[in-house]
C-alpha atoms as a PDB file:
ATOM      1  CA  MET A   1     122.529 128.360 218.854  1.00  0.00           C
ATOM      2  CA  PRO A   2     124.328 125.417 217.100  1.00  0.00           C
ATOM      3  CA  SER A   3     125.016 127.814 214.205  1.00  0.00           C
ATOM      4  CA  THR A   4     127.322 129.680 216.596  1.00  0.00           C
ATOM      5  CA  GLN A   5     130.824 129.336 215.201  1.00  0.00           C
ATOM      6  CA  ILE A   6     133.321 127.947 217.732  1.00  0.00           C
ATOM      7  CA  ALA A   7     137.121 127.993 217.661  1.00  0.00           C
ATOM      8  CA  LEU A   8     138.985 125.669 220.018  1.00  0.00           C
ATOM      9  CA  ALA A   9     142.655 126.045 220.883  1.00  0.00           C
ATOM     10  CA  GLY A  10     144.341 123.117 222.611  1.00  0.00           C
ATOM     11  CA  ALA A  11     141.914 120.531 221.274  1.00  0.00           C
ATOM     12  CA  THR A  12     144.297 117.575 221.624  1.00  0.00           C
ATOM     13  CA  GLY A  13     144.834 117.799 225.390  1.00  0.00           C
ATOM     14  CA  ASN A  14     143.213 115.984 228.315  1.00  0.00           C
ATOM     15  CA  LEU A  15     140.435 118.578 228.496  1.00  0.00           C
ATOM     16  CA  GLY A  16     140.406 119.631 224.858  1.00  0.00           C
ATOM     17  CA  ILE A  17     139.182 116.268 223.565  1.00  0.00           C
ATOM     18  CA  PRO A  18     136.108 116.055 225.870  1.00  0.00           C
ATOM     19  CA  ILE A  19     135.215 119.666 225.039  1.00  0.00           C
ATOM     20  CA  LEU A  20     135.605 119.031 221.314  1.00  0.00           C
ATOM     21  CA  LYS A  21     133.394 115.935 221.520  1.00  0.00           C
ATOM     22  CA  ALA A  22     130.726 117.806 223.508  1.00  0.00           C
ATOM     23  CA  LEU A  23     130.682 120.666 220.997  1.00  0.00           C
ATOM     24  CA  LEU A  24     130.319 118.308 218.044  1.00  0.00           C
ATOM     25  CA  ASP A  25     127.653 116.214 219.787  1.00  0.00           C
ATOM     26  CA  ALA A  26     125.721 119.442 220.402  1.00  0.00           C
ATOM     27  CA  GLY A  27     125.914 120.295 216.698  1.00  0.00           C
ATOM     28  CA  PHE A  28     128.264 123.279 216.881  1.00  0.00           C
ATOM     29  CA  PRO A  29     130.563 123.938 213.912  1.00  0.00           C
ATOM     30  CA  VAL A  30     134.115 123.822 215.282  1.00  0.00           C
ATOM     31  CA  THR A  31     137.395 125.203 213.986  1.00  0.00           C
ATOM     32  CA  VAL A  32     140.432 123.772 215.733  1.00  0.00           C
ATOM     33  CA  LEU A  33     143.447 126.034 216.037  1.00  0.00           C
ATOM     34  CA  SER A  34     146.535 123.858 215.759  1.00  0.00           C
ATOM     35  CA  ARG A  35     150.125 124.874 216.262  1.00  0.00           C
ATOM     36  CA  ASN A  36     152.370 124.493 213.247  1.00  0.00           C
ATOM     37  CA  GLY A  37     153.927 121.082 213.793  1.00  0.00           C
ATOM     38  CA  GLY A  38     151.322 120.238 216.451  1.00  0.00           C
ATOM     39  CA  ASN A  39     149.683 116.901 217.164  1.00  0.00           C
ATOM     40  CA  ALA A  40     146.647 117.311 214.906  1.00  0.00           C
ATOM     41  CA  ALA A  41     146.818 113.636 213.881  1.00  0.00           C
ATOM     42  CA  VAL A  42     144.863 112.644 217.021  1.00  0.00           C
ATOM     43  CA  LEU A  43     141.884 114.565 215.617  1.00  0.00           C
ATOM     44  CA  THR A  44     141.304 112.161 212.713  1.00  0.00           C
ATOM     45  CA  PRO A  45     138.246 110.579 214.467  1.00  0.00           C
ATOM     46  CA  TYR A  46     136.511 113.965 214.132  1.00  0.00           C
ATOM     47  CA  PRO A  47     136.100 114.556 210.374  1.00  0.00           C
ATOM     48  CA  LYS A  48     133.540 117.363 210.770  1.00  0.00           C
ATOM     49  CA  ILE A  49     136.020 119.836 212.217  1.00  0.00           C
ATOM     50  CA  VAL A  50     138.022 122.441 210.335  1.00  0.00           C
ATOM     51  CA  ILE A  51     141.688 122.517 211.302  1.00  0.00           C
ATOM     52  CA  LYS A  52     143.645 125.728 210.848  1.00  0.00           C
ATOM     53  CA  LYS A  53     147.385 125.842 211.422  1.00  0.00           C
ATOM     54  CA  VAL A  54     148.397 128.966 213.321  1.00  0.00           C
ATOM     55  CA  ASN A  55     151.304 130.642 215.019  1.00  0.00           C
ATOM     56  CA  PHE A  56     150.122 131.240 218.597  1.00  0.00           C
ATOM     57  CA  ASP A  57     152.632 134.073 218.971  1.00  0.00           C
ATOM     58  CA  SER A  58     151.286 135.943 215.946  1.00  0.00           C
ATOM     59  CA  VAL A  59     148.166 138.087 216.303  1.00  0.00           C
ATOM     60  CA  GLU A  60     147.987 138.353 212.516  1.00  0.00           C
ATOM     61  CA  SER A  61     148.048 134.578 212.037  1.00  0.00           C
ATOM     62  CA  LEU A  62     145.406 134.049 214.711  1.00  0.00           C
ATOM     63  CA  THR A  63     143.154 136.880 213.501  1.00  0.00           C
ATOM     64  CA  SER A  64     143.043 135.404 210.025  1.00  0.00           C
ATOM     65  CA  ALA A  65     141.975 132.045 211.461  1.00  0.00           C
ATOM     66  CA  LEU A  66     139.248 133.582 213.656  1.00  0.00           C
ATOM     67  CA  HIS A  67     137.262 135.541 211.085  1.00  0.00           C
ATOM     68  CA  GLY A  68     133.599 134.575 211.408  1.00  0.00           C
ATOM     69  CA  VAL A  69     134.091 132.928 214.819  1.00  0.00           C
ATOM     70  CA  ASP A  70     131.684 133.790 217.647  1.00  0.00           C
ATOM     71  CA  VAL A  71     133.243 131.965 220.618  1.00  0.00           C
ATOM     72  CA  VAL A  72     136.883 131.094 221.306  1.00  0.00           C
ATOM     73  CA  ILE A  73     137.700 128.385 223.848  1.00  0.00           C
ATOM     74  CA  SER A  74     141.289 128.194 225.037  1.00  0.00           C
ATOM     75  CA  CYS A  75     142.529 124.894 226.454  1.00  0.00           C
ATOM     76  CA  VAL A  76     146.169 125.643 225.752  1.00  0.00           C
ATOM     77  CA  ALA A  77     148.875 124.762 228.234  1.00  0.00           C
ATOM     78  CA  THR A  78     149.989 128.215 229.314  1.00  0.00           C
ATOM     79  CA  LEU A  79     153.333 126.877 230.548  1.00  0.00           C
ATOM     80  CA  ALA A  80     153.968 125.651 227.022  1.00  0.00           C
ATOM     81  CA  ILE A  81     152.865 128.646 224.946  1.00  0.00           C
ATOM     82  CA  GLY A  82     153.139 131.463 227.479  1.00  0.00           C
ATOM     83  CA  SER A  83     150.676 134.346 227.410  1.00  0.00           C
ATOM     84  CA  GLN A  84     147.175 133.969 225.960  1.00  0.00           C
ATOM     85  CA  ASN A  85     147.213 137.672 225.077  1.00  0.00           C
ATOM     86  CA  PRO A  86     147.900 137.195 221.341  1.00  0.00           C
ATOM     87  CA  LEU A  87     144.859 134.911 221.121  1.00  0.00           C
ATOM     88  CA  ILE A  88     142.796 137.476 223.030  1.00  0.00           C
ATOM     89  CA  ASP A  89     143.992 140.342 220.811  1.00  0.00           C
ATOM     90  CA  ALA A  90     143.188 138.314 217.704  1.00  0.00           C
ATOM     91  CA  SER A  91     139.741 137.471 219.074  1.00  0.00           C
ATOM     92  CA  VAL A  92     138.973 141.157 219.571  1.00  0.00           C
ATOM     93  CA  ALA A  93     140.298 142.034 216.110  1.00  0.00           C
ATOM     94  CA  ALA A  94     138.215 139.283 214.486  1.00  0.00           C
ATOM     95  CA  GLY A  95     134.989 140.318 216.231  1.00  0.00           C
ATOM     96  CA  VAL A  96     134.708 137.322 218.598  1.00  0.00           C
ATOM     97  CA  ARG A  97     131.888 137.801 221.132  1.00  0.00           C
ATOM     98  CA  ARG A  98     132.962 135.433 223.931  1.00  0.00           C
ATOM     99  CA  PHE A  99     136.383 134.198 225.073  1.00  0.00           C
ATOM    100  CA  ILE A 100     136.747 131.277 227.499  1.00  0.00           C
ATOM    101  CA  PRO A 101     140.337 131.279 228.775  1.00  0.00           C
ATOM    102  CA  ALA A 102     142.446 128.348 229.915  1.00  0.00           C
ATOM    103  CA  GLU A 103     141.368 128.674 233.548  1.00  0.00           C
ATOM    104  CA  PHE A 104     139.774 125.330 234.509  1.00  0.00           C
ATOM    105  CA  GLY A 105     141.002 124.797 238.052  1.00  0.00           C
ATOM    106  CA  MET A 106     141.326 126.534 241.400  1.00  0.00           C
ATOM    107  CA  ASP A 107     139.592 129.753 242.428  1.00  0.00           C
ATOM    108  CA  SER A 108     141.826 132.432 240.939  1.00  0.00           C
ATOM    109  CA  ALA A 109     139.698 135.103 242.645  1.00  0.00           C
ATOM    110  CA  ASN A 110     140.991 133.883 246.012  1.00  0.00           C
ATOM    111  CA  GLU A 111     143.844 136.125 247.142  1.00  0.00           C
ATOM    112  CA  LEU A 112     146.005 133.212 248.297  1.00  0.00           C
ATOM    113  CA  CYS A 113     145.467 131.269 245.063  1.00  0.00           C
ATOM    114  CA  ALA A 114     146.314 134.358 243.038  1.00  0.00           C
ATOM    115  CA  GLN A 115     149.784 134.406 244.602  1.00  0.00           C
ATOM    116  CA  LEU A 116     150.642 130.853 243.561  1.00  0.00           C
ATOM    117  CA  PRO A 117     152.996 130.749 240.544  1.00  0.00           C
ATOM    118  CA  VAL A 118     150.721 128.239 238.801  1.00  0.00           C
ATOM    119  CA  CYS A 119     147.759 130.603 239.125  1.00  0.00           C
ATOM    120  CA  ALA A 120     149.456 133.964 238.529  1.00  0.00           C
ATOM    121  CA  PRO A 121     149.348 133.704 234.696  1.00  0.00           C
ATOM    122  CA  LYS A 122     145.600 133.009 234.874  1.00  0.00           C
ATOM    123  CA  VAL A 123     145.093 136.081 237.054  1.00  0.00           C
ATOM    124  CA  ASP A 124     147.067 138.188 234.571  1.00  0.00           C
ATOM    125  CA  THR A 125     144.931 136.797 231.733  1.00  0.00           C
ATOM    126  CA  GLN A 126     141.731 137.716 233.553  1.00  0.00           C
ATOM    127  CA  LYS A 127     142.991 141.255 234.170  1.00  0.00           C
ATOM    128  CA  TYR A 128     143.781 141.590 230.482  1.00  0.00           C
ATOM    129  CA  LEU A 129     140.359 140.220 229.541  1.00  0.00           C
ATOM    130  CA  GLN A 130     138.719 142.745 231.858  1.00  0.00           C
ATOM    131  CA  GLU A 131     140.627 145.574 230.186  1.00  0.00           C
ATOM    132  CA  MET A 132     139.752 144.361 226.688  1.00  0.00           C
ATOM    133  CA  SER A 133     136.069 143.880 227.498  1.00  0.00           C
ATOM    134  CA  LYS A 134     135.839 147.401 228.917  1.00  0.00           C
ATOM    135  CA  SER A 135     137.404 148.954 225.831  1.00  0.00           C
ATOM    136  CA  ASN A 136     135.496 146.640 223.448  1.00  0.00           C
ATOM    137  CA  PRO A 137     131.882 146.294 224.688  1.00  0.00           C
ATOM    138  CA  ASN A 138     131.017 143.558 222.176  1.00  0.00           C
ATOM    139  CA  PHE A 139     133.839 141.364 223.498  1.00  0.00           C
ATOM    140  CA  THR A 140     133.148 139.368 226.681  1.00  0.00           C
ATOM    141  CA  TYR A 141     134.758 136.532 228.592  1.00  0.00           C
ATOM    142  CA  THR A 142     133.923 133.750 231.030  1.00  0.00           C
ATOM    143  CA  ALA A 143     136.432 131.871 233.188  1.00  0.00           C
ATOM    144  CA  ILE A 144     135.487 128.429 234.520  1.00  0.00           C
ATOM    145  CA  ALA A 145     136.638 127.268 237.973  1.00  0.00           C
ATOM    146  CA  ASN A 146     136.107 123.539 238.491  1.00  0.00           C
ATOM    147  CA  GLY A 147     138.598 122.527 241.166  1.00  0.00           C
ATOM    148  CA  LEU A 148     140.606 119.378 240.555  1.00  0.00           C
ATOM    149  CA  PHE A 149     139.788 117.096 237.624  1.00  0.00           C
ATOM    150  CA  LEU A 150     138.212 114.156 239.457  1.00  0.00           C
ATOM    151  CA  ASP A 151     138.421 111.332 236.909  1.00  0.00           C
ATOM    152  CA  TRP A 152     141.799 112.510 235.615  1.00  0.00           C
ATOM    153  CA  GLY A 153     143.112 112.796 239.180  1.00  0.00           C
ATOM    154  CA  LEU A 154     142.047 109.261 240.081  1.00  0.00           C
ATOM    155  CA  LYS A 155     143.330 107.784 236.821  1.00  0.00           C
ATOM    156  CA  ASN A 156     146.718 109.494 237.078  1.00  0.00           C
ATOM    157  CA  ASN A 157     147.282 108.914 240.816  1.00  0.00           C
ATOM    158  CA  PHE A 158     147.097 112.607 241.634  1.00  0.00           C
ATOM    159  CA  ILE A 159     144.310 112.688 244.221  1.00  0.00           C
ATOM    160  CA  LEU A 160     145.009 109.120 245.359  1.00  0.00           C
ATOM    161  CA  ASN A 161     147.224 106.298 244.072  1.00  0.00           C
ATOM    162  CA  MET A 162     144.482 103.845 243.238  1.00  0.00           C
ATOM    163  CA  ALA A 163     146.726 101.111 241.862  1.00  0.00           C
ATOM    164  CA  GLU A 164     148.982 100.951 244.925  1.00  0.00           C
ATOM    165  CA  HIS A 165     146.283 101.823 247.482  1.00  0.00           C
ATOM    166  CA  SER A 166     148.394 104.646 248.847  1.00  0.00           C
ATOM    167  CA  ALA A 167     147.998 108.371 249.315  1.00  0.00           C
ATOM    168  CA  ILE A 168     149.509 111.532 250.653  1.00  0.00           C
ATOM    169  CA  LEU A 169     146.736 112.939 252.819  1.00  0.00           C
ATOM    170  CA  TYR A 170     147.014 116.676 252.591  1.00  0.00           C
ATOM    171  CA  ASN A 171     146.139 118.441 255.839  1.00  0.00           C
ATOM    172  CA  GLY A 172     145.000 115.086 257.208  1.00  0.00           C
ATOM    173  CA  GLY A 173     142.789 114.141 254.253  1.00  0.00           C
ATOM    174  CA  ASN A 174     139.591 115.601 255.722  1.00  0.00           C
ATOM    175  CA  VAL A 175     139.489 118.862 253.764  1.00  0.00           C
ATOM    176  CA  PRO A 176     136.317 119.107 251.612  1.00  0.00           C
ATOM    177  CA  PHE A 177     137.297 120.124 248.083  1.00  0.00           C
ATOM    178  CA  SER A 178     135.410 120.745 244.850  1.00  0.00           C
ATOM    179  CA  THR A 179     136.297 118.377 242.036  1.00  0.00           C
ATOM    180  CA  THR A 180     134.871 117.852 238.559  1.00  0.00           C
ATOM    181  CA  ASN A 181     134.870 115.164 235.889  1.00  0.00           C
ATOM    182  CA  LEU A 182     136.233 116.241 232.502  1.00  0.00           C
ATOM    183  CA  THR A 183     132.869 115.624 230.831  1.00  0.00           C
ATOM    184  CA  ASN A 184     131.184 117.948 233.320  1.00  0.00           C
ATOM    185  CA  VAL A 185     133.713 120.667 232.522  1.00  0.00           C
ATOM    186  CA  ALA A 186     132.745 120.220 228.870  1.00  0.00           C
ATOM    187  CA  THR A 187     129.084 120.501 229.866  1.00  0.00           C
ATOM    188  CA  ALA A 188     129.882 123.782 231.618  1.00  0.00           C
ATOM    189  CA  VAL A 189     131.494 125.114 228.446  1.00  0.00           C
ATOM    190  CA  LEU A 190     128.295 124.344 226.541  1.00  0.00           C
ATOM    191  CA  GLY A 191     126.348 126.066 229.323  1.00  0.00           C
ATOM    192  CA  VAL A 192     128.433 129.212 228.971  1.00  0.00           C
ATOM    193  CA  ILE A 193     127.851 129.287 225.205  1.00  0.00           C
ATOM    194  CA  ARG A 194     124.100 128.876 225.703  1.00  0.00           C
ATOM    195  CA  HIS A 195     123.839 131.415 228.546  1.00  0.00           C
ATOM    196  CA  GLN A 196     126.154 134.204 227.484  1.00  0.00           C
ATOM    197  CA  PRO A 197     124.282 137.128 229.082  1.00  0.00           C
ATOM    198  CA  GLN A 198     124.234 135.416 232.506  1.00  0.00           C
ATOM    199  CA  THR A 199     127.912 134.443 232.362  1.00  0.00           C
ATOM    200  CA  ALA A 200     129.468 137.555 230.861  1.00  0.00           C
ATOM    201  CA  ASN A 201     132.709 138.911 232.287  1.00  0.00           C
ATOM    202  CA  ARG A 202     132.954 136.742 235.371  1.00  0.00           C
ATOM    203  CA  ILE A 203     134.156 133.438 236.809  1.00  0.00           C
ATOM    204  CA  VAL A 204     131.614 130.627 236.949  1.00  0.00           C
ATOM    205  CA  TYR A 205     132.003 127.853 239.522  1.00  0.00           C
ATOM    206  CA  ILE A 206     131.118 124.194 239.095  1.00  0.00           C
ATOM    207  CA  HIS A 207     131.821 120.808 240.636  1.00  0.00           C
ATOM    208  CA  SER A 208     130.784 117.208 240.191  1.00  0.00           C
ATOM    209  CA  ALA A 209     131.211 116.586 243.897  1.00  0.00           C
ATOM    210  CA  LEU A 210     132.458 118.002 247.180  1.00  0.00           C
ATOM    211  CA  VAL A 211     134.584 115.254 248.715  1.00  0.00           C
ATOM    212  CA  THR A 212     137.548 114.570 250.966  1.00  0.00           C
ATOM    213  CA  GLN A 213     140.460 112.262 250.288  1.00  0.00           C
ATOM    214  CA  ASN A 214     139.445 110.097 253.221  1.00  0.00           C
ATOM    215  CA  GLU A 215     135.911 109.735 251.861  1.00  0.00           C
ATOM    216  CA  LEU A 216     137.297 108.465 248.560  1.00  0.00           C
ATOM    217  CA  ILE A 217     139.559 106.010 250.402  1.00  0.00           C
ATOM    218  CA  GLN A 218     136.602 104.773 252.428  1.00  0.00           C
ATOM    219  CA  TYR A 219     134.710 104.053 249.210  1.00  0.00           C
ATOM    220  CA  ALA A 220     137.716 102.075 247.959  1.00  0.00           C
ATOM    221  CA  LYS A 221     137.915 100.061 251.184  1.00  0.00           C
ATOM    222  CA  GLU A 222     134.224  99.234 250.977  1.00  0.00           C
ATOM    223  CA  ILE A 223     134.697  98.016 247.407  1.00  0.00           C
ATOM    224  CA  ASP A 224     137.778  95.797 247.668  1.00  0.00           C
ATOM    225  CA  GLY A 225     138.530  95.599 251.394  1.00  0.00           C
ATOM    226  CA  LYS A 226     142.218  96.399 250.977  1.00  0.00           C
ATOM    227  CA  ASP A 227     144.224  98.452 253.454  1.00  0.00           C
ATOM    228  CA  TRP A 228     145.758 101.749 252.410  1.00  0.00           C
ATOM    229  CA  LYS A 229     149.203 103.145 253.115  1.00  0.00           C
ATOM    230  CA  THR A 230     148.973 106.861 253.860  1.00  0.00           C
ATOM    231  CA  ASP A 231     151.255 109.708 254.841  1.00  0.00           C
ATOM    232  CA  ILE A 232     150.138 113.114 256.072  1.00  0.00           C
ATOM    233  CA  GLN A 233     151.520 116.331 254.620  1.00  0.00           C
ATOM    234  CA  ASP A 234     150.732 119.970 255.306  1.00  0.00           C
ATOM    235  CA  THR A 235     149.992 121.875 252.102  1.00  0.00           C
ATOM    236  CA  GLU A 236     152.015 124.812 253.396  1.00  0.00           C
ATOM    237  CA  ASP A 237     155.053 122.524 253.375  1.00  0.00           C
ATOM    238  CA  THR A 238     154.074 121.494 249.844  1.00  0.00           C
ATOM    239  CA  ARG A 239     153.937 125.135 248.790  1.00  0.00           C
ATOM    240  CA  LYS A 240     157.316 125.925 250.314  1.00  0.00           C
ATOM    241  CA  GLY A 241     158.896 122.849 248.725  1.00  0.00           C
ATOM    242  CA  SER A 242     157.513 123.840 245.340  1.00  0.00           C
ATOM    243  CA  LEU A 243     158.969 127.331 245.702  1.00  0.00           C
ATOM    244  CA  VAL A 244     162.375 125.807 246.446  1.00  0.00           C
ATOM    245  CA  GLU A 245     162.114 123.602 243.354  1.00  0.00           C
ATOM    246  CA  LEU A 246     161.022 126.532 241.215  1.00  0.00           C
ATOM    247  CA  ALA A 247     163.972 128.616 242.438  1.00  0.00           C
ATOM    248  CA  LYS A 248     166.364 126.039 240.964  1.00  0.00           C
ATOM    249  CA  GLY A 249     165.453 127.264 237.506  1.00  0.00           C
ATOM    250  CA  PRO A 250     166.172 124.888 234.605  1.00  0.00           C
ATOM    251  CA  GLN A 251     167.789 122.429 237.034  1.00  0.00           C
ATOM    252  CA  GLY A 252     164.570 122.103 239.026  1.00  0.00           C
ATOM    253  CA  ASP A 253     161.540 119.917 238.383  1.00  0.00           C
ATOM    254  CA  ILE A 254     159.157 122.616 237.192  1.00  0.00           C
ATOM    255  CA  ASP A 255     156.286 120.194 236.533  1.00  0.00           C
ATOM    256  CA  ALA A 256     156.495 118.805 240.068  1.00  0.00           C
ATOM    257  CA  ALA A 257     156.585 122.326 241.483  1.00  0.00           C
ATOM    258  CA  MET A 258     153.486 123.350 239.554  1.00  0.00           C
ATOM    259  CA  LEU A 259     151.628 120.221 240.659  1.00  0.00           C
ATOM    260  CA  GLY A 260     152.569 121.106 244.223  1.00  0.00           C
ATOM    261  CA  PHE A 261     151.062 124.553 243.815  1.00  0.00           C
ATOM    262  CA  CYS A 262     147.909 122.939 242.375  1.00  0.00           C
ATOM    263  CA  VAL A 263     147.681 120.723 245.454  1.00  0.00           C
ATOM    264  CA  CYS A 264     147.994 123.762 247.699  1.00  0.00           C
ATOM    265  CA  GLY A 265     145.332 125.757 245.875  1.00  0.00           C
ATOM    266  CA  SER A 266     142.918 122.863 245.429  1.00  0.00           C
ATOM    267  CA  LEU A 267     143.144 121.072 248.789  1.00  0.00           C
ATOM    268  CA  THR A 268     143.477 123.889 251.326  1.00  0.00           C
ATOM    269  CA  THR A 269     140.409 125.436 252.945  1.00  0.00           C
ATOM    270  CA  GLU A 270     141.884 128.946 253.115  1.00  0.00           C
ATOM    271  CA  TYR A 271     142.487 128.842 249.364  1.00  0.00           C
ATOM    272  CA  GLY A 272     138.751 128.537 248.704  1.00  0.00           C
ATOM    273  CA  CYS A 273     138.744 124.932 247.514  1.00  0.00           C
ATOM    274  CA  ASP A 274     135.070 124.447 248.493  1.00  0.00           C
ATOM    275  CA  PHE A 275     132.833 126.021 245.831  1.00  0.00           C
ATOM    276  CA  SER A 276     129.547 124.712 247.248  1.00  0.00           C
ATOM    277  CA  SER A 277     128.256 128.105 248.440  1.00  0.00           C
ATOM    278  CA  HIS A 278     128.539 129.772 245.021  1.00  0.00           C
ATOM    279  CA  LEU A 279     127.983 127.114 242.361  1.00  0.00           C
ATOM    280  CA  ASP A 280     126.695 127.782 238.851  1.00  0.00           C
ATOM    281  CA  ASN A 281     125.833 124.107 238.250  1.00  0.00           C
ATOM    282  CA  ILE A 282     122.122 124.684 237.716  1.00  0.00           C
ATOM    283  CA  LEU A 283     122.618 127.543 235.264  1.00  0.00           C
ATOM    284  CA  LEU A 284     125.185 125.600 233.241  1.00  0.00           C
ATOM    285  CA  GLY A 285     123.448 122.219 233.347  1.00  0.00           C
ATOM    286  CA  VAL A 286     126.132 120.441 235.358  1.00  0.00           C
ATOM    287  CA  LYS A 287     124.789 117.550 237.445  1.00  0.00           C
ATOM    288  CA  LYS A 288     126.396 116.523 240.716  1.00  0.00           C
ATOM    289  CA  LEU A 289     127.390 112.929 241.391  1.00  0.00           C
ATOM    290  CA  ASN A 290     125.439 111.172 244.113  1.00  0.00           C
ATOM    291  CA  LYS A 291     127.176 108.790 246.511  1.00  0.00           C
ATOM    292  CA  ALA A 292     126.412 105.724 244.400  1.00  0.00           C
ATOM    293  CA  GLU A 293     127.843 107.389 241.295  1.00  0.00           C
ATOM    294  CA  LEU A 294     130.909 108.578 243.178  1.00  0.00           C
ATOM    295  CA  ARG A 295     131.455 105.098 244.583  1.00  0.00           C
ATOM    296  CA  ALA A 296     131.125 103.590 241.089  1.00  0.00           C
ATOM    297  CA  LEU A 297     133.693 106.068 239.766  1.00  0.00           C
ATOM    298  CA  VAL A 298     136.172 105.057 242.460  1.00  0.00           C
ATOM    299  CA  ALA A 299     135.523 101.392 241.663  1.00  0.00           C
ATOM    300  CA  SER A 300     136.310 101.967 237.996  1.00  0.00           C
ATOM    301  CA  TYR A 301     139.879 102.995 238.842  1.00  0.00           C
ATOM    302  CA  LEU A 302     140.686 100.284 241.383  1.00  0.00           C
END
């Protein structure tokens, strides 16, 4: 299996680096697809990789870079490069067997999630992948749903503001939601590569833990004894506010709007934020955090 040739797009991002490291540690040969003028300099600690400069809008450029590749992993920021279709078309043309799209988040199969502007491009990508796999039987895909990034969310004050001991408690803070460490997402990617027949043409679901915001705050209180300042917000209000911001066009804060949609899709029960009834953890080798490990993770960001 390590002889399987891997191509990774978006290797320099928050998720790309852990995936790249996991692939190399597992012995896979990796080609990194880098945008012309991209930030490939951050990849200098990884001398074993092959870096190919590509134009992500050009199927011809991408196809040339993908010859001999078995699996393509896309970690690109879709808001930055737009559609993943050129990369998909190039993968088909180059004979790639498995495509893992830039999904990595909420449950895009949930009808409410699918309507969120942040999720709609992922739904369109999956529809396109379904079409391409039907017309090209040797081409398959796997999307990975992992909920919120747990360690990233704690570090960057997204789930809670650890530094200031403050939080916006969405829907009261007692909604159980699936959340995953970046390294566990990387483990899931390895699991997909190693179990291609079982993961073909579907979404796989993983999480490191099922938690609530209030549970995480309780861990923090037990660790340092400090009080927390909290406000309560309904995620429906968050969704509506994000739509207003998005409607402003270039004058609006698009990043804030998209984060608001992520909050809505990842912290609202009706949006399917609890993956616990349909997890693929065992198949993919993803271990859950126990309470002691979860508590230690919270402590590391206080």
